[in-house]
N, C-alpha and C. Protein backbone atom coordinates (compact mmCIF):
# COMPACT_ATOMS: atom_id res chain seq x y z
N MET A 1 0.58 -1.53 -0.25
CA MET A 1 0.08 -0.17 -0.20
C MET A 1 0.92 1.54 -0.14
N ALA A 2 2.54 1.30 -0.50
CA ALA A 2 3.26 1.89 -0.20
C ALA A 2 2.86 3.32 -1.22
N ASP A 3 2.01 3.16 -2.23
CA ASP A 3 1.67 4.26 -3.65
C ASP A 3 0.16 4.86 -2.74
N LEU A 4 -0.23 4.62 -2.13
CA LEU A 4 -1.78 5.04 -1.19
C LEU A 4 -1.66 6.12 -0.47
N PRO A 5 -2.07 7.53 -0.69
CA PRO A 5 -2.54 8.21 0.27
C PRO A 5 -2.86 8.24 1.48
N PRO A 6 -1.25 8.57 2.48
CA PRO A 6 -1.85 8.10 4.36
C PRO A 6 -2.83 8.26 4.81
N ASP A 7 -3.71 9.05 3.91
CA ASP A 7 -5.08 9.15 4.55
C ASP A 7 -5.98 7.90 4.12
N ILE A 8 -5.57 7.43 3.28
CA ILE A 8 -6.50 6.57 2.38
C ILE A 8 -5.56 4.89 3.20
N ALA A 9 -4.50 4.89 3.31
CA ALA A 9 -3.82 3.48 4.01
C ALA A 9 -4.27 3.44 5.11
N ALA A 10 -5.00 4.63 5.85
CA ALA A 10 -4.59 4.65 7.22
C ALA A 10 -6.54 4.05 7.93
N LEU A 11 -7.74 4.03 6.33
CA LEU A 11 -8.65 3.71 6.66
C LEU A 11 -8.79 2.05 7.31
N SER A 12 -10.15 1.94 7.59
CA SER A 12 -10.36 -0.01 8.03
C SER A 12 -11.30 0.27 6.24
N PHE A 13 -11.02 -1.13 6.41
CA PHE A 13 -11.60 -1.41 5.10
C PHE A 13 -13.17 -1.11 4.91
N GLU A 14 -14.01 -0.61 6.09
CA GLU A 14 -15.58 -0.72 6.33
C GLU A 14 -15.04 1.05 5.75
N GLU A 15 -14.41 1.51 6.92
CA GLU A 15 -14.10 3.07 6.53
C GLU A 15 -13.61 3.54 5.05
N ALA A 16 -13.34 2.42 4.61
CA ALA A 16 -12.92 3.05 2.81
C ALA A 16 -13.92 2.01 1.65
N LEU A 17 -15.17 1.44 1.80
CA LEU A 17 -15.34 0.99 1.54
C LEU A 17 -16.96 1.87 1.52
N ALA A 18 -17.34 2.08 2.82
CA ALA A 18 -17.84 3.62 2.96
C ALA A 18 -18.31 4.75 1.57
N GLU A 19 -16.65 5.00 1.85
CA GLU A 19 -16.26 6.33 1.79
C GLU A 19 -16.66 6.33 -0.56
N LEU A 20 -15.96 4.80 -0.66
CA LEU A 20 -16.21 4.38 -1.82
C LEU A 20 -17.50 4.77 -2.60
N GLU A 21 -17.92 3.76 -1.89
CA GLU A 21 -19.87 3.58 -2.18
C GLU A 21 -20.80 5.42 -2.21
N SER A 22 -19.99 6.35 -1.42
CA SER A 22 -20.53 7.72 -1.16
C SER A 22 -19.84 8.05 -2.75
N ILE A 23 -18.90 8.27 -3.15
CA ILE A 23 -18.22 8.68 -3.78
C ILE A 23 -19.00 7.78 -5.59
N VAL A 24 -19.52 6.38 -5.32
CA VAL A 24 -20.13 5.97 -6.21
C VAL A 24 -21.59 6.66 -6.26
N LYS A 25 -22.16 7.08 -5.42
CA LYS A 25 -23.45 7.28 -5.45
C LYS A 25 -23.53 8.70 -6.12
N ARG A 26 -22.15 9.65 -5.43
CA ARG A 26 -22.25 11.53 -6.29
C ARG A 26 -21.88 10.95 -8.15
N LEU A 27 -21.25 10.28 -8.20
CA LEU A 27 -20.78 10.16 -9.94
C LEU A 27 -22.10 9.80 -10.00
N GLU A 28 -23.08 8.82 -9.58
CA GLU A 28 -24.24 8.72 -10.63
C GLU A 28 -24.70 9.59 -10.42
N SER A 29 -25.20 9.75 -9.32
CA SER A 29 -26.16 10.88 -9.87
C SER A 29 -25.85 11.99 -10.66
N GLY A 30 -24.84 12.30 -11.53
CA GLY A 30 -24.52 13.21 -12.85
C GLY A 30 -24.06 15.16 -12.09
N ALA A 31 -24.72 15.18 -10.69
CA ALA A 31 -24.00 16.40 -10.37
C ALA A 31 -23.41 17.16 -10.00
N THR A 32 -21.72 16.29 -10.65
CA THR A 32 -20.67 16.69 -10.38
C THR A 32 -19.89 17.36 -10.90
N ARG A 33 -19.67 18.43 -11.11
CA ARG A 33 -18.56 19.32 -11.58
C ARG A 33 -17.30 18.05 -12.52
N LEU A 34 -16.66 17.98 -13.88
CA LEU A 34 -16.18 17.38 -14.41
C LEU A 34 -14.76 16.93 -14.09
N ASP A 35 -14.71 18.24 -13.74
CA ASP A 35 -12.68 18.56 -12.25
C ASP A 35 -12.73 17.34 -11.07
N ASP A 36 -14.22 17.72 -10.59
CA ASP A 36 -14.74 17.18 -9.57
C ASP A 36 -14.76 15.88 -9.83
N ALA A 37 -15.45 14.94 -10.64
CA ALA A 37 -15.60 14.05 -10.54
C ALA A 37 -14.75 12.80 -11.64
N ILE A 38 -13.38 13.50 -11.81
CA ILE A 38 -12.71 13.30 -12.33
C ILE A 38 -11.33 12.61 -11.07
N SER A 39 -11.57 13.60 -10.25
CA SER A 39 -10.83 13.85 -8.76
C SER A 39 -11.60 12.95 -8.12
N ALA A 40 -12.61 12.64 -7.70
CA ALA A 40 -13.53 11.64 -7.32
C ALA A 40 -13.12 10.46 -7.90
N TYR A 41 -13.51 9.99 -9.07
CA TYR A 41 -12.95 8.47 -9.27
C TYR A 41 -11.26 7.97 -9.20
N GLU A 42 -10.53 8.88 -8.90
CA GLU A 42 -9.09 9.06 -9.33
C GLU A 42 -9.36 8.64 -7.90
N ARG A 43 -9.42 9.22 -6.31
CA ARG A 43 -10.11 8.70 -5.63
C ARG A 43 -10.62 7.25 -4.71
N GLY A 44 -11.83 7.17 -5.89
CA GLY A 44 -12.32 6.26 -5.44
C GLY A 44 -11.72 4.76 -6.29
N ALA A 45 -10.59 4.76 -7.34
CA ALA A 45 -9.42 3.75 -7.76
C ALA A 45 -8.60 3.74 -7.02
N ARG A 46 -8.43 4.59 -6.11
CA ARG A 46 -7.30 4.15 -4.54
C ARG A 46 -8.05 3.91 -3.13
N LEU A 47 -9.08 3.97 -3.05
CA LEU A 47 -9.99 3.32 -2.31
C LEU A 47 -10.22 2.23 -2.76
N ARG A 48 -10.51 1.78 -3.81
CA ARG A 48 -11.26 0.23 -4.10
C ARG A 48 -10.44 -0.50 -3.63
N GLN A 49 -8.36 -0.18 -4.51
CA GLN A 49 -7.11 -0.76 -4.08
C GLN A 49 -6.86 -1.45 -2.92
N HIS A 50 -7.11 -0.62 -1.82
CA HIS A 50 -7.20 -0.77 -0.57
C HIS A 50 -8.19 -1.65 -0.28
N CYS A 51 -9.46 -1.74 -0.07
CA CYS A 51 -10.28 -2.67 -0.45
C CYS A 51 -10.02 -3.80 -0.54
N GLU A 52 -9.39 -4.00 -2.07
CA GLU A 52 -8.67 -5.36 -1.83
C GLU A 52 -8.09 -5.74 -1.48
N THR A 53 -6.61 -4.73 -1.58
CA THR A 53 -5.59 -5.38 -0.54
C THR A 53 -6.29 -5.91 0.93
N ARG A 54 -7.04 -5.25 1.46
CA ARG A 54 -7.42 -6.18 2.81
C ARG A 54 -7.75 -6.86 2.79
N LEU A 55 -8.78 -6.88 1.94
CA LEU A 55 -9.71 -8.42 1.83
C LEU A 55 -8.34 -9.48 1.71
N LYS A 56 -7.41 -9.52 0.16
CA LYS A 56 -6.46 -10.03 0.19
C LYS A 56 -5.39 -10.71 1.45
N GLU A 57 -5.41 -9.70 2.47
CA GLU A 57 -5.13 -9.74 3.72
C GLU A 57 -5.47 -10.51 4.64
N ALA A 58 -7.28 -10.46 4.72
CA ALA A 58 -7.71 -10.94 6.11
C ALA A 58 -8.18 -12.77 5.12
N GLN A 59 -7.98 -12.88 3.74
CA GLN A 59 -8.05 -14.38 3.43
C GLN A 59 -6.93 -14.82 4.46
N ILE A 60 -5.58 -14.34 3.65
CA ILE A 60 -5.12 -15.11 4.34
C ILE A 60 -4.44 -15.76 5.30
N ARG A 61 -4.92 -13.95 6.59
CA ARG A 61 -4.91 -15.33 7.83
C ARG A 61 -6.28 -15.85 7.75
N VAL A 62 -7.04 -15.91 7.69
CA VAL A 62 -8.17 -17.26 7.52
C VAL A 62 -7.85 -18.12 7.76
N GLU A 63 -8.43 -18.74 9.26
CA GLU A 63 -7.90 -20.43 9.01
C GLU A 63 -9.48 -20.80 8.89
N ARG A 64 -9.27 -22.17 8.48
CA ARG A 64 -10.76 -23.37 8.33
C ARG A 64 -10.76 -24.25 9.39
N ILE A 65 -11.37 -25.09 9.92
CA ILE A 65 -11.01 -26.16 10.89
C ILE A 65 -11.77 -27.37 10.08
N VAL A 66 -10.87 -27.90 10.09
CA VAL A 66 -10.99 -29.69 9.38
C VAL A 66 -11.18 -30.64 10.55
N LEU A 67 -11.01 -32.16 10.03
CA LEU A 67 -11.11 -33.18 10.55
C LEU A 67 -9.95 -33.61 9.96
N ALA A 68 -9.03 -33.55 11.48
CA ALA A 68 -8.02 -34.49 10.98
C ALA A 68 -8.23 -36.23 11.17
N PRO A 69 -7.14 -36.96 10.61
CA PRO A 69 -7.47 -38.39 10.36
C PRO A 69 -7.50 -39.18 11.46
N ASP A 70 -7.15 -39.04 12.32
CA ASP A 70 -7.05 -39.31 13.52
C ASP A 70 -8.61 -39.22 14.48
N GLY A 71 -9.66 -38.69 13.54
CA GLY A 71 -11.05 -38.39 13.65
C GLY A 71 -11.15 -36.90 15.00
N GLY A 72 -9.49 -35.89 15.15
CA GLY A 72 -9.41 -34.76 16.26
C GLY A 72 -10.02 -33.94 15.10
N VAL A 73 -9.81 -33.04 15.38
CA VAL A 73 -10.05 -31.17 14.86
C VAL A 73 -8.97 -30.86 14.87
N ALA A 74 -8.09 -30.37 13.61
CA ALA A 74 -7.02 -29.25 13.24
C ALA A 74 -7.85 -27.91 12.76
N VAL A 75 -6.84 -27.43 12.59
CA VAL A 75 -6.97 -25.85 11.89
C VAL A 75 -5.76 -25.81 11.10
N GLU A 76 -6.10 -25.64 9.88
CA GLU A 76 -4.99 -25.56 8.35
C GLU A 76 -5.11 -23.59 7.57
N PRO A 77 -4.43 -23.56 7.26
CA PRO A 77 -5.52 -22.26 6.27
C PRO A 77 -6.01 -22.37 5.24
N ALA A 78 -6.49 -21.32 5.13
CA ALA A 78 -7.43 -21.41 4.27
C ALA A 78 -6.97 -21.40 2.81
N ALA A 79 -7.30 -22.54 0.84
CA ALA A 79 -7.00 -22.19 0.19
C ALA A 79 -7.31 -20.54 -0.38
N VAL A 80 -6.43 -20.55 -0.66
CA VAL A 80 -6.29 -19.30 -1.66
C VAL A 80 -6.30 -18.63 -2.88
N GLU A 81 -6.87 -18.46 -4.03
CA GLU A 81 -6.94 -18.59 -5.44
C GLU A 81 -6.45 -16.96 -5.50
């Protein structure tokens, strides 16, 4: 996330997603000046990148519970696609 502005990098996934949704609504309304729309689009692209990175990080950390060959329960990393 080194190429993200510090204010975006500091956002949680939920905060970034909420801001991205707000930007999309503003752009879809069509009531934004062209220069503002371009700036909002660029920020939205960075927010999307941040959200995707956060999701990938979370997916790597997720573990799944499996039944071990001896009948016990074990934990292993989830498959990451």
